[in-house]
Amino acid sequence: MRCPFCRHPDSRVVDSRTADDGAAIRRRRQCPHCSRRFTTVENASLTVIKRSGVTEPFSRDKVIAGVRKACQGRPVTEDALAQLGQRVEEAVRATGSAELSTHDVGLAILGPLQDLDLVAYLRFASVYKAFESLEDFESAIADLREAHPSAPVPGSRSNDGHPAGDGERADGADGVGGAGEVTGDESGGDGAGARGADGAPASAAAD
């Protein structure tokens, strides 16, 4: 290897140690011309082919960055993300292929992410699998319920028929009351009863 200091075309290895849990080797090298030392890291080549056809080296950091976006607002630690990144890299390297598509990398992410957080999994899967309708989400949630029968899957309900979660009713996407308040099936959060079209209480409107 060329010396980064004097550009001499050769160097010799003076020390080698494994790194990254055995996935790489750190080599300490010395230039025979200027005698200065430098470190190199050697690992197995793994290339990702993007949809545009452009290739780039596999990056565990990019995997973690993409998953971190799906985990925003979720109780997921940086240590857990780091472990997920390691699992993904081990999985893609275990295929024995030197080149992988972004689709292959996405598939390798889905399994560990489902084990990590179901909400984050749905967020990531909705983009990766290009969900286009409510039916796509319903199908994914049904699969999660089957795979994790005891887990609080998003959209599931408790035994008393109320939506699962800390609150006593489901909230809409904008943070206001759920569908029960709109239809009058349940009372509103402020304790007021359902009202008829003329604004009177429902019982009076029925009269």
N, C-alpha and C. Protein backbone atom coordinates (compact mmCIF):
# COMPACT_ATOMS: atom_id res chain seq x y z
N MET A 1 0.84 -1.19 0.00
CA MET A 1 0.00 0.00 0.00
C MET A 1 0.88 1.25 0.00
N ARG A 2 0.43 2.27 -0.74
CA ARG A 2 1.19 3.51 -0.83
C ARG A 2 1.16 4.27 0.50
N CYS A 3 2.28 4.83 0.88
CA CYS A 3 2.38 5.60 2.11
C CYS A 3 1.60 6.90 1.96
N PRO A 4 0.71 7.23 2.92
CA PRO A 4 -0.06 8.46 2.81
C PRO A 4 0.74 9.72 3.10
N PHE A 5 1.98 9.56 3.59
CA PHE A 5 2.79 10.72 3.95
C PHE A 5 3.77 11.11 2.85
N CYS A 6 4.56 10.13 2.39
CA CYS A 6 5.56 10.45 1.37
C CYS A 6 5.23 9.86 0.01
N ARG A 7 4.11 9.13 -0.08
CA ARG A 7 3.62 8.53 -1.32
C ARG A 7 4.54 7.43 -1.84
N HIS A 8 5.37 6.86 -0.96
CA HIS A 8 6.19 5.72 -1.37
C HIS A 8 5.26 4.56 -1.74
N PRO A 9 5.56 3.82 -2.81
CA PRO A 9 4.63 2.81 -3.32
C PRO A 9 4.54 1.52 -2.51
N ASP A 10 5.21 1.46 -1.37
CA ASP A 10 5.17 0.20 -0.61
C ASP A 10 5.16 0.49 0.89
N SER A 11 4.74 -0.53 1.67
CA SER A 11 4.75 -0.44 3.13
C SER A 11 4.78 -1.86 3.67
N ARG A 12 5.15 -1.99 4.93
CA ARG A 12 5.18 -3.32 5.53
C ARG A 12 4.30 -3.34 6.77
N VAL A 13 3.69 -4.51 7.04
CA VAL A 13 2.80 -4.68 8.18
C VAL A 13 3.63 -4.99 9.42
N VAL A 14 3.43 -4.20 10.48
CA VAL A 14 4.16 -4.43 11.73
C VAL A 14 3.26 -4.98 12.83
N ASP A 15 1.92 -4.92 12.65
CA ASP A 15 1.00 -5.46 13.65
C ASP A 15 -0.38 -5.65 13.02
N SER A 16 -1.07 -6.71 13.41
CA SER A 16 -2.42 -6.98 12.91
C SER A 16 -3.31 -7.41 14.07
N ARG A 17 -4.53 -6.85 14.11
CA ARG A 17 -5.49 -7.21 15.15
C ARG A 17 -6.90 -7.22 14.55
N THR A 18 -7.73 -8.13 15.07
CA THR A 18 -9.11 -8.17 14.61
C THR A 18 -9.88 -6.99 15.20
N ALA A 19 -10.91 -6.56 14.49
CA ALA A 19 -11.74 -5.43 14.93
C ALA A 19 -13.18 -5.69 14.54
N ASP A 20 -14.07 -4.90 15.12
CA ASP A 20 -15.50 -4.98 14.80
C ASP A 20 -16.01 -6.41 14.97
N ASP A 21 -15.68 -6.99 16.12
CA ASP A 21 -16.13 -8.33 16.47
C ASP A 21 -15.71 -9.37 15.43
N GLY A 22 -14.51 -9.20 14.92
CA GLY A 22 -13.96 -10.17 13.97
C GLY A 22 -14.32 -9.93 12.52
N ALA A 23 -15.12 -8.89 12.25
CA ALA A 23 -15.53 -8.63 10.87
C ALA A 23 -14.48 -7.86 10.08
N ALA A 24 -13.46 -7.36 10.77
CA ALA A 24 -12.42 -6.58 10.08
C ALA A 24 -11.07 -6.84 10.75
N ILE A 25 -10.02 -6.45 10.06
CA ILE A 25 -8.66 -6.57 10.59
C ILE A 25 -7.99 -5.20 10.50
N ARG A 26 -7.48 -4.74 11.63
CA ARG A 26 -6.72 -3.49 11.67
C ARG A 26 -5.24 -3.83 11.52
N ARG A 27 -4.60 -3.19 10.57
CA ARG A 27 -3.17 -3.44 10.34
C ARG A 27 -2.38 -2.15 10.56
N ARG A 28 -1.33 -2.27 11.34
CA ARG A 28 -0.41 -1.16 11.56
C ARG A 28 0.73 -1.32 10.57
N ARG A 29 0.92 -0.32 9.74
CA ARG A 29 1.93 -0.39 8.68
C ARG A 29 3.01 0.68 8.87
N GLN A 30 4.19 0.36 8.32
CA GLN A 30 5.31 1.31 8.38
C GLN A 30 5.93 1.48 7.00
N CYS A 31 6.17 2.71 6.66
CA CYS A 31 6.77 3.01 5.35
C CYS A 31 8.28 2.80 5.43
N PRO A 32 8.87 2.03 4.53
CA PRO A 32 10.32 1.79 4.55
C PRO A 32 11.12 3.02 4.10
N HIS A 33 10.44 4.00 3.53
CA HIS A 33 11.15 5.18 3.02
C HIS A 33 11.23 6.28 4.08
N CYS A 34 10.07 6.66 4.66
CA CYS A 34 10.08 7.75 5.64
C CYS A 34 9.95 7.24 7.08
N SER A 35 9.72 5.93 7.24
CA SER A 35 9.62 5.26 8.55
C SER A 35 8.39 5.67 9.36
N ARG A 36 7.48 6.40 8.78
CA ARG A 36 6.27 6.78 9.50
C ARG A 36 5.26 5.62 9.45
N ARG A 37 4.41 5.58 10.48
CA ARG A 37 3.44 4.48 10.59
C ARG A 37 2.01 4.99 10.38
N PHE A 38 1.17 4.11 9.88
CA PHE A 38 -0.24 4.43 9.67
C PHE A 38 -1.06 3.16 9.80
N THR A 39 -2.36 3.31 9.97
CA THR A 39 -3.27 2.18 10.21
C THR A 39 -4.23 2.01 9.04
N THR A 40 -4.45 0.76 8.66
CA THR A 40 -5.45 0.43 7.64
C THR A 40 -6.44 -0.57 8.24
N VAL A 41 -7.64 -0.58 7.69
CA VAL A 41 -8.67 -1.52 8.12
C VAL A 41 -9.07 -2.36 6.91
N GLU A 42 -9.03 -3.65 7.07
CA GLU A 42 -9.36 -4.56 5.97
C GLU A 42 -10.63 -5.35 6.33
N ASN A 43 -11.61 -5.32 5.42
CA ASN A 43 -12.82 -6.14 5.63
C ASN A 43 -13.29 -6.69 4.30
N ALA A 44 -14.20 -7.64 4.36
CA ALA A 44 -14.71 -8.27 3.15
C ALA A 44 -15.51 -7.26 2.33
N SER A 45 -15.32 -7.28 1.04
CA SER A 45 -16.00 -6.33 0.17
C SER A 45 -17.49 -6.68 0.07
N LEU A 46 -18.33 -5.67 0.23
CA LEU A 46 -19.78 -5.83 0.11
C LEU A 46 -20.34 -4.57 -0.53
N THR A 47 -20.93 -4.74 -1.70
CA THR A 47 -21.42 -3.60 -2.48
C THR A 47 -22.93 -3.64 -2.59
N VAL A 48 -23.54 -2.46 -2.48
CA VAL A 48 -24.99 -2.33 -2.62
C VAL A 48 -25.30 -1.67 -3.96
N ILE A 49 -26.19 -2.29 -4.72
CA ILE A 49 -26.60 -1.74 -6.02
C ILE A 49 -27.90 -0.98 -5.83
N LYS A 50 -27.88 0.32 -6.03
CA LYS A 50 -29.06 1.15 -5.85
C LYS A 50 -29.98 1.02 -7.05
N ARG A 51 -31.21 1.52 -6.91
CA ARG A 51 -32.21 1.39 -7.98
C ARG A 51 -31.77 2.08 -9.26
N SER A 52 -30.98 3.12 -9.12
CA SER A 52 -30.49 3.85 -10.29
C SER A 52 -29.38 3.11 -11.01
N GLY A 53 -28.89 2.03 -10.41
CA GLY A 53 -27.78 1.28 -11.00
C GLY A 53 -26.44 1.65 -10.41
N VAL A 54 -26.40 2.74 -9.63
CA VAL A 54 -25.16 3.17 -8.99
C VAL A 54 -24.81 2.21 -7.86
N THR A 55 -23.54 1.90 -7.71
CA THR A 55 -23.09 1.01 -6.63
C THR A 55 -22.33 1.81 -5.57
N GLU A 56 -22.43 1.34 -4.34
CA GLU A 56 -21.70 1.97 -3.25
C GLU A 56 -21.42 0.91 -2.19
N PRO A 57 -20.38 1.11 -1.39
CA PRO A 57 -20.07 0.13 -0.33
C PRO A 57 -21.20 0.06 0.69
N PHE A 58 -21.46 -1.14 1.21
CA PHE A 58 -22.46 -1.29 2.25
C PHE A 58 -22.04 -0.48 3.47
N SER A 59 -22.99 0.22 4.07
CA SER A 59 -22.71 1.05 5.23
C SER A 59 -23.69 0.72 6.36
N ARG A 60 -23.17 0.22 7.46
CA ARG A 60 -24.02 -0.05 8.62
C ARG A 60 -24.61 1.25 9.16
N ASP A 61 -23.82 2.34 9.09
CA ASP A 61 -24.30 3.63 9.58
C ASP A 61 -25.53 4.11 8.80
N LYS A 62 -25.56 3.85 7.49
CA LYS A 62 -26.72 4.25 6.70
C LYS A 62 -27.95 3.43 7.06
N VAL A 63 -27.75 2.16 7.36
CA VAL A 63 -28.86 1.32 7.80
C VAL A 63 -29.45 1.88 9.09
N ILE A 64 -28.57 2.20 10.05
CA ILE A 64 -29.02 2.72 11.34
C ILE A 64 -29.72 4.06 11.16
N ALA A 65 -29.19 4.92 10.28
CA ALA A 65 -29.80 6.23 10.06
C ALA A 65 -31.21 6.09 9.50
N GLY A 66 -31.40 5.16 8.57
CA GLY A 66 -32.72 4.95 7.99
C GLY A 66 -33.71 4.41 9.00
N VAL A 67 -33.26 3.48 9.85
CA VAL A 67 -34.14 2.91 10.86
C VAL A 67 -34.44 3.94 11.95
N ARG A 68 -33.47 4.80 12.25
CA ARG A 68 -33.67 5.81 13.29
C ARG A 68 -34.86 6.72 12.94
N LYS A 69 -35.04 7.04 11.68
CA LYS A 69 -36.17 7.88 11.27
C LYS A 69 -37.49 7.19 11.57
N ALA A 70 -37.55 5.88 11.33
CA ALA A 70 -38.78 5.14 11.60
C ALA A 70 -39.04 5.01 13.09
N CYS A 71 -37.99 5.16 13.92
CA CYS A 71 -38.12 4.99 15.36
C CYS A 71 -38.33 6.30 16.11
N GLN A 72 -38.50 7.40 15.39
CA GLN A 72 -38.70 8.69 16.06
C GLN A 72 -39.93 8.64 16.95
N GLY A 73 -39.76 9.08 18.20
CA GLY A 73 -40.86 9.08 19.15
C GLY A 73 -41.12 7.74 19.80
N ARG A 74 -40.33 6.73 19.48
CA ARG A 74 -40.51 5.40 20.04
C ARG A 74 -39.44 5.14 21.12
N PRO A 75 -39.72 4.26 22.08
CA PRO A 75 -38.75 3.99 23.14
C PRO A 75 -37.63 3.06 22.68
N VAL A 76 -36.84 3.55 21.75
CA VAL A 76 -35.75 2.77 21.17
C VAL A 76 -34.42 3.48 21.45
N THR A 77 -33.48 2.80 22.06
CA THR A 77 -32.20 3.40 22.42
C THR A 77 -31.19 3.30 21.28
N GLU A 78 -30.14 4.10 21.40
CA GLU A 78 -29.07 4.05 20.40
C GLU A 78 -28.35 2.71 20.44
N ASP A 79 -28.24 2.12 21.62
CA ASP A 79 -27.61 0.80 21.73
C ASP A 79 -28.43 -0.25 20.96
N ALA A 80 -29.76 -0.14 21.07
CA ALA A 80 -30.62 -1.08 20.36
C ALA A 80 -30.48 -0.90 18.85
N LEU A 81 -30.36 0.35 18.40
CA LEU A 81 -30.16 0.61 16.97
C LEU A 81 -28.82 0.05 16.50
N ALA A 82 -27.79 0.20 17.33
CA ALA A 82 -26.47 -0.33 16.97
C ALA A 82 -26.52 -1.85 16.85
N GLN A 83 -27.23 -2.50 17.76
CA GLN A 83 -27.36 -3.96 17.69
C GLN A 83 -28.13 -4.38 16.45
N LEU A 84 -29.17 -3.60 16.11
CA LEU A 84 -29.91 -3.90 14.89
C LEU A 84 -29.01 -3.78 13.66
N GLY A 85 -28.21 -2.71 13.61
CA GLY A 85 -27.30 -2.55 12.48
C GLY A 85 -26.33 -3.70 12.35
N GLN A 86 -25.85 -4.21 13.48
CA GLN A 86 -24.93 -5.35 13.45
C GLN A 86 -25.64 -6.60 12.94
N ARG A 87 -26.89 -6.81 13.39
CA ARG A 87 -27.65 -7.98 12.93
C ARG A 87 -27.89 -7.92 11.42
N VAL A 88 -28.20 -6.73 10.93
CA VAL A 88 -28.45 -6.58 9.49
C VAL A 88 -27.18 -6.87 8.70
N GLU A 89 -26.05 -6.31 9.15
CA GLU A 89 -24.80 -6.55 8.42
C GLU A 89 -24.42 -8.02 8.45
N GLU A 90 -24.59 -8.67 9.58
CA GLU A 90 -24.27 -10.10 9.67
C GLU A 90 -25.16 -10.91 8.73
N ALA A 91 -26.42 -10.50 8.62
CA ALA A 91 -27.36 -11.23 7.77
C ALA A 91 -26.99 -11.08 6.29
N VAL A 92 -26.65 -9.86 5.86
CA VAL A 92 -26.35 -9.67 4.44
C VAL A 92 -24.99 -10.28 4.08
N ARG A 93 -24.05 -10.26 5.02
CA ARG A 93 -22.76 -10.89 4.73
C ARG A 93 -22.88 -12.41 4.72
N ALA A 94 -23.82 -12.95 5.50
CA ALA A 94 -24.01 -14.39 5.56
C ALA A 94 -24.54 -14.95 4.25
N THR A 95 -25.07 -14.10 3.38
CA THR A 95 -25.56 -14.58 2.09
C THR A 95 -24.41 -15.04 1.19
N GLY A 96 -23.21 -14.57 1.49
CA GLY A 96 -22.05 -14.96 0.69
C GLY A 96 -21.92 -14.20 -0.61
N SER A 97 -22.82 -13.25 -0.86
CA SER A 97 -22.78 -12.48 -2.09
C SER A 97 -21.98 -11.20 -1.89
N ALA A 98 -21.18 -10.84 -2.89
CA ALA A 98 -20.38 -9.62 -2.80
C ALA A 98 -21.19 -8.40 -3.22
N GLU A 99 -22.34 -8.62 -3.89
CA GLU A 99 -23.20 -7.52 -4.34
C GLU A 99 -24.65 -7.80 -3.92
N LEU A 100 -25.29 -6.78 -3.39
CA LEU A 100 -26.67 -6.89 -2.96
C LEU A 100 -27.46 -5.69 -3.47
N SER A 101 -28.74 -5.89 -3.70
CA SER A 101 -29.60 -4.78 -4.09
C SER A 101 -30.14 -4.09 -2.84
N THR A 102 -30.66 -2.88 -3.00
CA THR A 102 -31.28 -2.19 -1.87
C THR A 102 -32.49 -2.98 -1.37
N HIS A 103 -33.14 -3.73 -2.26
CA HIS A 103 -34.26 -4.57 -1.87
C HIS A 103 -33.80 -5.65 -0.89
N ASP A 104 -32.65 -6.26 -1.17
CA ASP A 104 -32.12 -7.30 -0.28
C ASP A 104 -31.79 -6.72 1.09
N VAL A 105 -31.23 -5.52 1.11
CA VAL A 105 -30.89 -4.88 2.38
C VAL A 105 -32.17 -4.56 3.17
N GLY A 106 -33.20 -4.08 2.46
CA GLY A 106 -34.48 -3.79 3.12
C GLY A 106 -35.09 -5.02 3.75
N LEU A 107 -35.02 -6.15 3.05
CA LEU A 107 -35.54 -7.40 3.60
C LEU A 107 -34.78 -7.79 4.87
N ALA A 108 -33.48 -7.56 4.87
CA ALA A 108 -32.66 -7.90 6.03
C ALA A 108 -33.00 -7.00 7.22
N ILE A 109 -33.50 -5.79 6.97
CA ILE A 109 -33.85 -4.86 8.05
C ILE A 109 -35.18 -5.23 8.69
N LEU A 110 -36.15 -5.69 7.90
CA LEU A 110 -37.51 -5.89 8.38
C LEU A 110 -37.60 -6.85 9.57
N GLY A 111 -36.88 -7.96 9.52
CA GLY A 111 -36.94 -8.94 10.60
C GLY A 111 -36.47 -8.37 11.93
N PRO A 112 -35.24 -7.86 12.02
CA PRO A 112 -34.77 -7.29 13.29
C PRO A 112 -35.61 -6.10 13.75
N LEU A 113 -36.12 -5.30 12.82
CA LEU A 113 -36.92 -4.14 13.21
C LEU A 113 -38.26 -4.58 13.79
N GLN A 114 -38.83 -5.66 13.28
CA GLN A 114 -40.08 -6.18 13.83
C GLN A 114 -39.86 -6.65 15.27
N ASP A 115 -38.71 -7.24 15.54
CA ASP A 115 -38.39 -7.66 16.90
C ASP A 115 -38.15 -6.46 17.82
N LEU A 116 -37.68 -5.36 17.24
CA LEU A 116 -37.33 -4.18 18.04
C LEU A 116 -38.55 -3.36 18.43
N ASP A 117 -39.39 -3.00 17.46
CA ASP A 117 -40.54 -2.14 17.75
C ASP A 117 -41.56 -2.29 16.62
N LEU A 118 -42.80 -2.67 16.95
CA LEU A 118 -43.80 -2.95 15.93
C LEU A 118 -44.28 -1.69 15.22
N VAL A 119 -44.37 -0.58 15.95
CA VAL A 119 -44.80 0.67 15.31
C VAL A 119 -43.74 1.14 14.30
N ALA A 120 -42.48 1.10 14.71
CA ALA A 120 -41.40 1.48 13.81
C ALA A 120 -41.36 0.55 12.60
N TYR A 121 -41.64 -0.73 12.84
CA TYR A 121 -41.68 -1.70 11.73
C TYR A 121 -42.74 -1.30 10.72
N LEU A 122 -43.94 -0.93 11.18
CA LEU A 122 -45.02 -0.54 10.26
C LEU A 122 -44.64 0.71 9.48
N ARG A 123 -44.00 1.66 10.14
CA ARG A 123 -43.57 2.88 9.46
C ARG A 123 -42.58 2.55 8.35
N PHE A 124 -41.59 1.73 8.69
CA PHE A 124 -40.56 1.38 7.71
C PHE A 124 -41.16 0.55 6.58
N ALA A 125 -41.98 -0.43 6.94
CA ALA A 125 -42.57 -1.31 5.93
C ALA A 125 -43.49 -0.55 4.99
N SER A 126 -44.19 0.47 5.49
CA SER A 126 -45.12 1.22 4.65
C SER A 126 -44.38 1.95 3.53
N VAL A 127 -43.14 2.36 3.81
CA VAL A 127 -42.33 3.03 2.78
C VAL A 127 -41.63 1.99 1.91
N TYR A 128 -41.00 1.01 2.57
CA TYR A 128 -40.23 0.01 1.84
C TYR A 128 -41.11 -0.81 0.91
N LYS A 129 -42.31 -1.20 1.39
CA LYS A 129 -43.22 -2.00 0.58
C LYS A 129 -44.21 -1.14 -0.22
N ALA A 130 -44.07 0.18 -0.11
CA ALA A 130 -44.89 1.11 -0.87
C ALA A 130 -46.39 0.89 -0.65
N PHE A 131 -46.81 0.97 0.63
CA PHE A 131 -48.24 0.84 0.92
C PHE A 131 -49.00 1.94 0.19
N GLU A 132 -50.14 1.59 -0.41
CA GLU A 132 -50.91 2.57 -1.18
C GLU A 132 -52.35 2.71 -0.70
N SER A 133 -52.78 1.88 0.25
CA SER A 133 -54.17 1.93 0.70
C SER A 133 -54.26 1.46 2.14
N LEU A 134 -55.43 1.68 2.75
CA LEU A 134 -55.66 1.21 4.11
C LEU A 134 -55.60 -0.32 4.17
N GLU A 135 -56.00 -0.96 3.09
CA GLU A 135 -55.98 -2.42 3.05
C GLU A 135 -54.55 -2.94 3.23
N ASP A 136 -53.57 -2.21 2.70
CA ASP A 136 -52.18 -2.63 2.86
C ASP A 136 -51.78 -2.61 4.33
N PHE A 137 -52.19 -1.55 5.04
CA PHE A 137 -51.89 -1.46 6.46
C PHE A 137 -52.64 -2.54 7.24
N GLU A 138 -53.92 -2.74 6.90
CA GLU A 138 -54.71 -3.76 7.60
C GLU A 138 -54.11 -5.14 7.43
N SER A 139 -53.62 -5.44 6.23
CA SER A 139 -53.00 -6.73 5.98
C SER A 139 -51.72 -6.89 6.80
N ALA A 140 -50.92 -5.81 6.87
CA ALA A 140 -49.67 -5.86 7.63
C ALA A 140 -49.96 -6.03 9.12
N ILE A 141 -50.99 -5.33 9.63
CA ILE A 141 -51.34 -5.45 11.04
C ILE A 141 -51.86 -6.85 11.35
N ALA A 142 -52.64 -7.42 10.43
CA ALA A 142 -53.14 -8.78 10.63
C ALA A 142 -51.99 -9.77 10.72
N ASP A 143 -50.98 -9.59 9.88
CA ASP A 143 -49.81 -10.47 9.93
C ASP A 143 -49.08 -10.32 11.26
N LEU A 144 -48.98 -9.07 11.75
CA LEU A 144 -48.30 -8.84 13.02
C LEU A 144 -49.07 -9.47 14.18
N ARG A 145 -50.39 -9.39 14.15
CA ARG A 145 -51.19 -10.00 15.20
C ARG A 145 -50.99 -11.52 15.24
N GLU A 146 -50.86 -12.10 14.06
CA GLU A 146 -50.65 -13.54 13.99
C GLU A 146 -49.26 -13.93 14.48
N ALA A 147 -48.27 -13.09 14.13
CA ALA A 147 -46.89 -13.40 14.52
C ALA A 147 -46.60 -13.05 15.97
N HIS A 148 -47.31 -12.03 16.51
CA HIS A 148 -47.08 -11.58 17.88
C HIS A 148 -48.42 -11.51 18.61
N PRO A 149 -49.03 -12.64 18.94
CA PRO A 149 -50.38 -12.63 19.54
C PRO A 149 -50.46 -11.94 20.88
N SER A 150 -49.36 -11.89 21.64
CA SER A 150 -49.41 -11.29 22.98
C SER A 150 -48.90 -9.86 22.99
N ALA A 151 -48.42 -9.37 21.85
CA ALA A 151 -47.86 -8.01 21.80
C ALA A 151 -48.96 -6.99 21.51
N PRO A 152 -48.81 -5.74 22.03
CA PRO A 152 -49.79 -4.68 21.75
C PRO A 152 -49.61 -4.13 20.34
N VAL A 153 -50.15 -4.83 19.36
CA VAL A 153 -50.00 -4.44 17.96
C VAL A 153 -50.79 -3.17 17.70
N PRO A 154 -50.27 -2.21 16.94
CA PRO A 154 -51.00 -0.99 16.62
C PRO A 154 -52.36 -1.30 16.01
N GLY A 155 -53.40 -0.63 16.53
CA GLY A 155 -54.74 -0.84 16.01
C GLY A 155 -55.51 -1.92 16.73
N SER A 156 -54.86 -2.64 17.67
CA SER A 156 -55.55 -3.72 18.39
C SER A 156 -56.40 -3.13 19.50
N ARG A 157 -57.32 -3.95 20.05
CA ARG A 157 -58.20 -3.50 21.11
C ARG A 157 -58.07 -4.41 22.32
N SER A 158 -58.38 -3.86 23.47
CA SER A 158 -58.30 -4.63 24.70
C SER A 158 -59.55 -5.49 24.84
N ASN A 159 -59.58 -6.31 25.90
CA ASN A 159 -60.69 -7.24 26.08
C ASN A 159 -62.03 -6.57 26.29
N ASP A 160 -62.01 -5.30 26.81
CA ASP A 160 -63.28 -4.62 27.04
C ASP A 160 -63.78 -3.88 25.82
N GLY A 161 -63.08 -4.05 24.70
CA GLY A 161 -63.53 -3.43 23.45
C GLY A 161 -62.95 -2.06 23.20
N HIS A 162 -62.22 -1.51 24.18
CA HIS A 162 -61.63 -0.20 23.98
C HIS A 162 -60.26 -0.35 23.31
N PRO A 163 -59.83 0.67 22.57
CA PRO A 163 -58.52 0.61 21.93
C PRO A 163 -57.43 0.42 22.97
N ALA A 164 -56.45 -0.40 22.63
CA ALA A 164 -55.34 -0.64 23.54
C ALA A 164 -54.51 0.61 23.68
N GLY A 165 -53.91 0.81 24.84
CA GLY A 165 -53.06 1.97 25.03
C GLY A 165 -53.28 2.57 26.40
N ASP A 166 -52.63 3.72 26.66
CA ASP A 166 -52.72 4.34 27.97
C ASP A 166 -54.04 5.06 28.14
N GLY A 167 -54.62 5.61 27.08
CA GLY A 167 -55.86 6.35 27.18
C GLY A 167 -57.06 5.43 27.15
N GLU A 168 -58.26 5.98 27.36
CA GLU A 168 -59.46 5.18 27.36
C GLU A 168 -60.19 5.21 26.04
N ARG A 169 -59.72 6.00 25.07
CA ARG A 169 -60.34 6.01 23.77
C ARG A 169 -59.27 6.28 22.73
N ALA A 170 -59.56 5.89 21.50
CA ALA A 170 -58.58 6.09 20.43
C ALA A 170 -58.63 7.54 20.01
N ASP A 171 -57.48 8.13 19.79
CA ASP A 171 -57.40 9.49 19.29
C ASP A 171 -57.15 9.47 17.80
N GLY A 172 -57.63 10.48 17.10
CA GLY A 172 -57.41 10.57 15.67
C GLY A 172 -55.99 10.96 15.37
N ALA A 173 -55.67 10.99 14.08
CA ALA A 173 -54.30 11.29 13.67
C ALA A 173 -53.90 12.71 14.05
N ASP A 174 -54.90 13.62 14.18
CA ASP A 174 -54.58 15.00 14.51
C ASP A 174 -54.55 15.23 16.01
N GLY A 175 -54.74 14.16 16.82
CA GLY A 175 -54.64 14.28 18.26
C GLY A 175 -55.96 14.56 18.93
N VAL A 176 -57.07 14.76 18.17
CA VAL A 176 -58.36 15.01 18.79
C VAL A 176 -59.08 13.70 18.97
N GLY A 177 -60.33 13.75 19.51
CA GLY A 177 -61.05 12.52 19.82
C GLY A 177 -61.25 11.63 18.62
N GLY A 178 -61.46 10.33 18.92
CA GLY A 178 -61.58 9.34 17.86
C GLY A 178 -62.97 9.27 17.27
N ALA A 179 -63.21 8.20 16.48
CA ALA A 179 -64.44 8.08 15.71
C ALA A 179 -65.67 7.95 16.58
N GLY A 180 -65.51 7.41 17.79
CA GLY A 180 -66.64 7.24 18.69
C GLY A 180 -67.31 8.56 19.01
N GLU A 181 -66.53 9.62 19.16
CA GLU A 181 -67.10 10.92 19.47
C GLU A 181 -67.82 11.51 18.28
N VAL A 182 -67.33 11.24 17.09
CA VAL A 182 -67.94 11.80 15.89
C VAL A 182 -69.30 11.18 15.64
N THR A 183 -69.42 9.86 15.85
CA THR A 183 -70.66 9.17 15.54
C THR A 183 -71.67 9.25 16.67
N GLY A 184 -71.20 9.63 17.88
CA GLY A 184 -72.09 9.67 19.02
C GLY A 184 -72.21 8.35 19.73
N ASP A 185 -71.38 7.36 19.34
CA ASP A 185 -71.42 6.06 20.01
C ASP A 185 -70.85 6.14 21.40
N GLU A 186 -69.92 7.09 21.61
CA GLU A 186 -69.31 7.24 22.92
C GLU A 186 -69.39 8.71 23.29
N SER A 187 -69.34 9.00 24.57
CA SER A 187 -69.37 10.39 24.99
C SER A 187 -68.04 11.03 24.73
N GLY A 188 -68.03 12.37 24.60
CA GLY A 188 -66.79 13.09 24.32
C GLY A 188 -65.91 13.13 25.55
N GLY A 189 -64.69 13.59 25.34
CA GLY A 189 -63.72 13.62 26.42
C GLY A 189 -64.11 14.60 27.51
N ASP A 190 -64.99 15.61 27.20
CA ASP A 190 -65.35 16.58 28.22
C ASP A 190 -66.59 16.16 28.99
N GLY A 191 -67.12 14.95 28.73
CA GLY A 191 -68.26 14.45 29.47
C GLY A 191 -69.59 14.81 28.86
N ALA A 192 -69.63 15.61 27.80
CA ALA A 192 -70.88 16.00 27.17
C ALA A 192 -71.44 14.86 26.37
N GLY A 193 -72.79 14.72 26.30
CA GLY A 193 -73.40 13.65 25.54
C GLY A 193 -73.47 14.01 24.08
N ALA A 194 -73.89 13.02 23.23
CA ALA A 194 -74.04 13.24 21.80
C ALA A 194 -75.20 14.18 21.57
N ARG A 195 -75.12 14.98 20.48
CA ARG A 195 -76.16 15.96 20.18
C ARG A 195 -76.73 15.72 18.80
N GLY A 196 -77.97 16.14 18.62
CA GLY A 196 -78.63 15.98 17.34
C GLY A 196 -78.21 17.05 16.36
N ALA A 197 -78.78 17.04 15.17
CA ALA A 197 -78.40 17.98 14.13
C ALA A 197 -78.69 19.42 14.51
N ASP A 198 -79.74 19.66 15.37
CA ASP A 198 -80.10 21.02 15.75
C ASP A 198 -79.29 21.49 16.94
N GLY A 199 -78.36 20.68 17.41
CA GLY A 199 -77.51 21.09 18.52
C GLY A 199 -78.04 20.69 19.86
N ALA A 200 -79.30 20.20 19.94
CA ALA A 200 -79.87 19.76 21.21
C ALA A 200 -79.34 18.39 21.56
N PRO A 201 -79.44 18.00 22.84
CA PRO A 201 -79.01 16.64 23.20
C PRO A 201 -79.75 15.60 22.39
N ALA A 202 -79.12 14.44 22.17
CA ALA A 202 -79.71 13.42 21.30
C ALA A 202 -81.06 12.95 21.79
N SER A 203 -81.24 12.86 23.12
CA SER A 203 -82.51 12.39 23.64
C SER A 203 -83.62 13.38 23.31
N ALA A 204 -83.32 14.68 23.40
CA ALA A 204 -84.32 15.68 23.06
C ALA A 204 -84.61 15.69 21.59
N ALA A 205 -83.58 15.49 20.76
CA ALA A 205 -83.77 15.50 19.31
C ALA A 205 -84.64 14.34 18.89
N ALA A 206 -84.52 13.21 19.62
CA ALA A 206 -85.33 12.06 19.26
C ALA A 206 -86.79 12.31 19.52
N ASP A 207 -87.09 13.19 20.54
CA ASP A 207 -88.48 13.51 20.83
C ASP A 207 -89.08 14.36 19.72
